[in-house]
Amino acid sequence: MDNDDELVGRVLGRRQALAILGMSGVALAVGSTGVAAAEPADCVDCVVRPEMTEGPYYVDDRLNRSDIRQDTSNGVMSEGTTLTLALRVLQVADGRCTPLKDAVVDIWHCDAAGLYSDVPREGTDGRNFLRGYQVSDRAGWARFTTVLPGWYRGRTVHIHLKIQTSGADGNPYEFTSQLYFTEEFKAGYLAVAPYAAKGAPDTTNAQDGIYSADGVGDQMLLRPARRGRGYAATFTVGLDLSDTEVGGDDAMTGPGGPGGPPPVA
């Protein structure tokens, strides 16, 4: 049985995290506002992850579902390579890192053609494919089934992430960021159907204004592993619920204004 008070790890400062990274090659994420567990899973130290802009197409559709591929307005399933994404939410307090239960974890992203659902200018008004939320369980996990995202002009491939809970002061607490993929991984799946019909993406991670801002984008990289005909990935985000600056206006802006540039097919 999962234990709500299970000690997941200890919190590392930036200097400690970089030292371990240099000595061991372990993939640690170091940023400025959230906190995350290092990977692989047997390394349980906690270090900081960065917030990133929400983007212009967050929609609170109240879609409580694990499989976000279906458009419930017409029953159509989004085409693309399946991605099983497991997100773990941790709480950091007093130097401890423990699972955070009952956090609302939202993800949303574009389809293989680079379109978001419920965007009138894209002709998807009233549709809700590739959107949904889950509530974290006692071990802090929220699990999703989706497809690998496509791309649109001016942005590197990404998945949006929002976590909502209550802060230590009892007020709403919201962490927002974006998840990315390595260039090698993207090149592989974007070269096959249905992604290949759109051609090669015009923006790499390094060229993306949001990914490259302050040099923190590589701290939000997913590293999917093959699972059957699709892929699976895990990612862990901890929250310092006493940090009232998380989710503030300064964290929610980026190149192109709040949310960055809108997608262009």
Protein backbone atom coordinates (compact mmCIF):
# COMPACT_ATOMS: atom_id res chain seq x y z
CA MET A 1 0.00 0.00 0.00
CA ASP A 2 1.31 3.46 -0.84
CA ASN A 3 2.20 5.64 2.12
CA ASP A 4 1.23 9.31 1.96
CA ASP A 5 4.15 10.17 4.26
CA GLU A 6 6.74 8.09 2.40
CA LEU A 7 10.07 9.92 2.28
CA VAL A 8 10.87 10.13 -1.42
CA GLY A 9 14.12 12.04 -1.19
CA ARG A 10 16.07 14.93 0.23
CA VAL A 11 16.21 18.38 -1.29
CA LEU A 12 19.45 19.37 -3.01
CA GLY A 13 20.72 22.87 -3.59
CA ARG A 14 21.84 23.89 -7.07
CA ARG A 15 25.57 23.48 -6.26
CA GLN A 16 25.04 19.97 -4.85
CA ALA A 17 22.91 18.92 -7.81
CA LEU A 18 25.46 20.12 -10.35
CA ALA A 19 28.24 18.35 -8.48
CA ILE A 20 26.38 15.04 -8.56
CA LEU A 21 25.53 15.54 -12.21
CA GLY A 22 29.19 16.12 -13.05
CA MET A 23 30.43 13.13 -11.09
CA SER A 24 27.84 10.50 -11.95
CA GLY A 25 26.17 11.46 -15.21
CA VAL A 26 22.77 11.09 -13.54
CA ALA A 27 20.13 13.22 -15.28
CA LEU A 28 19.20 15.85 -12.71
CA ALA A 29 16.92 18.80 -13.36
CA VAL A 30 17.96 22.15 -11.94
CA GLY A 31 15.75 25.23 -12.25
CA SER A 32 14.23 28.01 -10.21
CA THR A 33 10.70 27.49 -8.94
CA GLY A 34 9.46 23.89 -8.72
CA VAL A 35 11.24 20.83 -7.33
CA ALA A 36 11.71 17.46 -8.94
CA ALA A 37 13.17 14.06 -8.30
CA ALA A 38 16.32 13.12 -10.13
CA GLU A 39 16.25 10.29 -12.62
CA PRO A 40 16.65 7.32 -12.76
CA ALA A 41 14.17 6.17 -10.13
CA ASP A 42 16.80 4.75 -7.77
CA CYS A 43 18.24 8.24 -7.33
CA VAL A 44 15.85 9.90 -4.89
CA ASP A 45 17.40 13.33 -4.32
CA CYS A 46 15.12 16.28 -5.07
CA VAL A 47 16.23 19.28 -7.10
CA VAL A 48 14.49 22.27 -8.63
CA ARG A 49 12.51 22.38 -11.93
CA PRO A 50 11.60 25.62 -13.74
CA GLU A 51 8.17 27.07 -14.41
CA MET A 52 7.36 28.03 -18.00
CA THR A 53 4.63 30.05 -19.68
CA GLU A 54 1.12 28.62 -19.87
CA GLY A 55 0.63 29.36 -23.55
CA PRO A 56 -2.48 30.86 -25.14
CA TYR A 57 -4.56 27.70 -25.45
CA TYR A 58 -5.20 26.38 -21.97
CA VAL A 59 -8.92 25.58 -21.68
CA ASP A 60 -10.54 24.48 -18.43
CA ASP A 61 -12.83 21.87 -19.99
CA ARG A 62 -13.14 19.88 -16.74
CA LEU A 63 -12.19 16.70 -18.58
CA ASN A 64 -11.32 14.24 -15.84
CA ARG A 65 -9.84 11.43 -17.89
CA SER A 66 -6.67 9.42 -18.21
CA ASP A 67 -6.94 8.71 -21.94
CA ILE A 68 -7.08 12.13 -23.62
CA ARG A 69 -6.99 10.98 -27.25
CA GLN A 70 -10.73 11.05 -27.97
CA ASP A 71 -12.68 14.10 -29.08
CA THR A 72 -15.89 13.57 -27.10
CA SER A 73 -17.81 15.91 -29.43
CA ASN A 74 -17.61 13.41 -32.28
CA GLY A 75 -15.97 10.26 -30.90
CA VAL A 76 -12.91 10.57 -33.14
CA MET A 77 -9.57 9.38 -31.76
CA SER A 78 -6.49 11.49 -32.46
CA GLU A 79 -4.06 9.85 -34.85
CA GLY A 80 -0.45 9.34 -33.88
CA THR A 81 2.01 7.23 -31.96
CA THR A 82 0.78 6.35 -28.47
CA LEU A 83 2.52 7.93 -25.50
CA THR A 84 1.87 6.70 -21.97
CA LEU A 85 2.87 9.52 -19.64
CA ALA A 86 3.17 9.06 -15.86
CA LEU A 87 3.63 12.28 -13.88
CA ARG A 88 4.52 12.21 -10.19
CA VAL A 89 3.82 15.16 -7.90
CA LEU A 90 5.89 15.60 -4.75
CA GLN A 91 5.69 18.04 -1.86
CA VAL A 92 8.87 19.58 -0.50
CA ALA A 93 8.95 20.76 3.11
CA ASP A 94 11.55 20.84 5.88
CA GLY A 95 14.15 19.20 3.69
CA ARG A 96 11.85 16.28 2.90
CA CYS A 97 10.25 15.25 -0.37
CA THR A 98 7.02 13.26 -0.06
CA PRO A 99 4.14 12.27 -2.41
CA LEU A 100 1.45 14.92 -2.86
CA LYS A 101 -2.06 13.48 -3.01
CA ASP A 102 -5.11 15.10 -4.67
CA ALA A 103 -3.25 17.57 -6.87
CA VAL A 104 -5.06 18.32 -10.14
CA VAL A 105 -2.67 17.59 -13.01
CA ASP A 106 -3.65 18.98 -16.45
CA ILE A 107 -1.93 18.29 -19.76
CA TRP A 108 -2.74 19.58 -23.23
CA HIS A 109 -0.95 19.67 -26.58
CA CYS A 110 -1.44 19.88 -30.34
CA ASP A 111 -2.25 16.94 -32.60
CA ALA A 112 -0.11 15.38 -35.32
CA ALA A 113 -1.05 18.21 -37.69
CA GLY A 114 -0.10 20.93 -35.18
CA LEU A 115 -3.66 21.88 -34.18
CA TYR A 116 -5.03 22.46 -30.67
CA SER A 117 -8.60 21.60 -29.83
CA ASP A 118 -11.19 24.26 -28.88
CA VAL A 119 -9.46 27.06 -30.80
CA PRO A 120 -11.91 28.91 -33.11
CA ARG A 121 -9.21 30.35 -35.38
CA GLU A 122 -8.04 26.79 -36.10
CA GLY A 123 -11.54 25.49 -36.80
CA THR A 124 -11.56 23.32 -33.68
CA ASP A 125 -14.08 25.28 -31.60
CA GLY A 126 -16.11 22.96 -29.34
CA ARG A 127 -13.76 20.02 -29.78
CA ASN A 128 -11.66 18.66 -26.90
CA PHE A 129 -9.06 16.22 -28.21
CA LEU A 130 -5.72 15.96 -26.40
CA ARG A 131 -6.85 17.68 -23.23
CA GLY A 132 -7.58 16.32 -19.79
CA TYR A 133 -6.67 16.14 -16.13
CA GLN A 134 -6.11 13.54 -13.45
CA VAL A 135 -5.98 13.81 -9.67
CA SER A 136 -2.77 12.50 -8.15
CA ASP A 137 -3.09 9.31 -6.11
CA ARG A 138 -1.63 8.54 -2.68
CA ALA A 139 1.79 7.99 -4.21
CA GLY A 140 1.56 11.28 -6.11
CA TRP A 141 1.04 9.71 -9.55
CA ALA A 142 -1.20 10.98 -12.35
CA ARG A 143 -1.20 8.84 -15.50
CA PHE A 144 -2.20 9.69 -19.05
CA THR A 145 -2.53 7.98 -22.41
CA THR A 146 -2.09 10.31 -25.36
CA VAL A 147 -0.21 10.52 -28.66
CA LEU A 148 3.13 12.13 -29.36
CA PRO A 149 2.51 15.79 -30.31
CA GLY A 150 3.11 17.28 -33.74
CA TRP A 151 4.59 20.70 -34.41
CA TYR A 152 3.57 24.15 -35.60
CA ARG A 153 5.50 27.10 -36.91
CA GLY A 154 7.69 28.98 -34.46
CA ARG A 155 7.67 26.46 -31.60
CA THR A 156 9.56 23.31 -30.81
CA VAL A 157 7.52 20.18 -30.04
CA HIS A 158 6.07 20.37 -26.51
CA ILE A 159 3.38 19.26 -24.05
CA HIS A 160 1.82 21.74 -21.64
CA LEU A 161 1.58 20.87 -17.95
CA LYS A 162 -0.35 22.53 -15.11
CA ILE A 163 -0.57 21.34 -11.50
CA GLN A 164 -3.12 22.88 -9.12
CA THR A 165 -3.37 22.36 -5.39
CA SER A 166 -3.48 24.42 -2.18
CA GLY A 167 -0.46 26.27 -0.88
CA ALA A 168 0.86 26.16 2.66
CA ASP A 169 -1.11 29.35 3.31
CA GLY A 170 -4.37 27.75 2.20
CA ASN A 171 -4.60 29.77 -1.00
CA PRO A 172 -4.71 28.25 -4.51
CA TYR A 173 -1.30 27.13 -5.73
CA GLU A 174 -0.52 26.58 -9.40
CA PHE A 175 2.62 25.33 -11.14
CA THR A 176 2.74 25.59 -14.94
CA SER A 177 5.43 24.42 -17.33
CA GLN A 178 6.11 22.59 -20.60
CA LEU A 179 7.65 19.21 -21.41
CA TYR A 180 9.97 18.61 -24.35
CA PHE A 181 11.78 15.91 -26.33
CA THR A 182 15.34 15.53 -27.58
CA GLU A 183 16.07 16.37 -31.21
CA GLU A 184 17.01 12.76 -31.91
CA PHE A 185 13.74 11.42 -30.57
CA LYS A 186 11.66 13.97 -32.49
CA ALA A 187 13.47 13.27 -35.75
CA GLY A 188 12.57 9.61 -35.47
CA TYR A 189 8.82 9.79 -34.91
CA LEU A 190 8.13 12.93 -36.96
CA ALA A 191 9.46 11.11 -40.02
CA VAL A 192 6.63 8.53 -39.99
CA ALA A 193 2.88 8.78 -40.58
CA PRO A 194 0.80 10.71 -39.72
CA TYR A 195 3.47 13.27 -38.70
CA ALA A 196 5.53 13.02 -41.90
CA ALA A 197 2.76 14.65 -43.95
CA LYS A 198 3.60 18.00 -42.32
CA GLY A 199 7.30 17.76 -43.11
CA ALA A 200 10.23 18.54 -40.86
CA PRO A 201 9.68 21.05 -38.01
CA ASP A 202 10.96 24.58 -38.55
CA THR A 203 12.11 25.14 -34.95
CA THR A 204 14.56 23.17 -32.86
CA ASN A 205 14.75 23.24 -29.08
CA ALA A 206 17.70 25.62 -29.24
CA GLN A 207 15.81 27.98 -31.56
CA ASP A 208 12.65 28.03 -29.45
CA GLY A 209 12.34 31.23 -27.42
CA ILE A 210 10.55 29.56 -24.52
CA TYR A 211 12.73 26.45 -24.36
CA SER A 212 15.96 28.45 -24.51
CA ALA A 213 14.92 31.26 -22.14
CA ASP A 214 17.40 31.32 -19.23
CA GLY A 215 18.81 28.01 -20.49
CA VAL A 216 16.29 25.89 -18.60
CA GLY A 217 14.46 23.97 -21.31
CA ASP A 218 16.67 20.91 -21.11
CA GLN A 219 15.54 20.49 -17.52
CA MET A 220 12.04 19.64 -18.79
CA LEU A 221 13.04 16.94 -21.27
CA LEU A 222 11.05 13.73 -21.45
CA ARG A 223 12.99 10.59 -22.34
CA PRO A 224 10.42 8.11 -23.64
CA ALA A 225 11.22 4.42 -23.93
CA ARG A 226 9.70 2.08 -26.48
CA ARG A 227 6.63 0.21 -25.23
CA GLY A 228 4.97 -2.05 -27.80
CA ARG A 229 4.05 0.09 -30.79
CA GLY A 230 4.26 3.27 -28.75
CA TYR A 231 6.32 4.88 -26.01
CA ALA A 232 6.19 5.44 -22.25
CA ALA A 233 7.73 8.24 -20.20
CA THR A 234 7.79 9.33 -16.56
CA PHE A 235 8.46 12.75 -15.09
CA THR A 236 8.49 13.92 -11.47
CA VAL A 237 7.64 17.44 -10.27
CA GLY A 238 7.81 18.47 -6.65
CA LEU A 239 6.26 21.59 -5.21
CA ASP A 240 7.39 23.85 -2.40
CA LEU A 241 3.92 24.85 -1.27
CA SER A 242 5.31 27.70 0.82
CA ASP A 243 6.67 29.44 -2.30
CA THR A 244 3.95 31.98 -3.09
CA GLU A 245 5.80 33.26 -6.18
CA VAL A 246 5.04 30.06 -8.10
CA GLY A 247 2.31 30.74 -10.64
CA GLY A 248 2.73 34.51 -10.35
CA ASP A 249 2.54 36.93 -13.26
CA ASP A 250 6.32 37.00 -13.72
CA ALA A 251 6.38 33.24 -14.24
CA MET A 252 3.55 33.28 -16.75
CA THR A 253 5.10 35.44 -19.43
CA GLY A 254 7.51 34.59 -22.20
CA PRO A 255 8.61 35.46 -25.72
CA GLY A 256 5.69 36.78 -27.72
CA GLY A 257 3.88 37.99 -24.62
CA PRO A 258 1.91 35.79 -22.22
CA GLY A 259 1.94 32.27 -23.57
CA GLY A 260 4.36 32.94 -26.41
CA PRO A 261 3.42 33.14 -30.08
CA PRO A 262 0.17 31.50 -31.24
CA PRO A 263 0.46 28.43 -33.46
CA VAL A 264 0.48 28.92 -37.21
CA ALA A 265 -0.18 25.90 -39.41
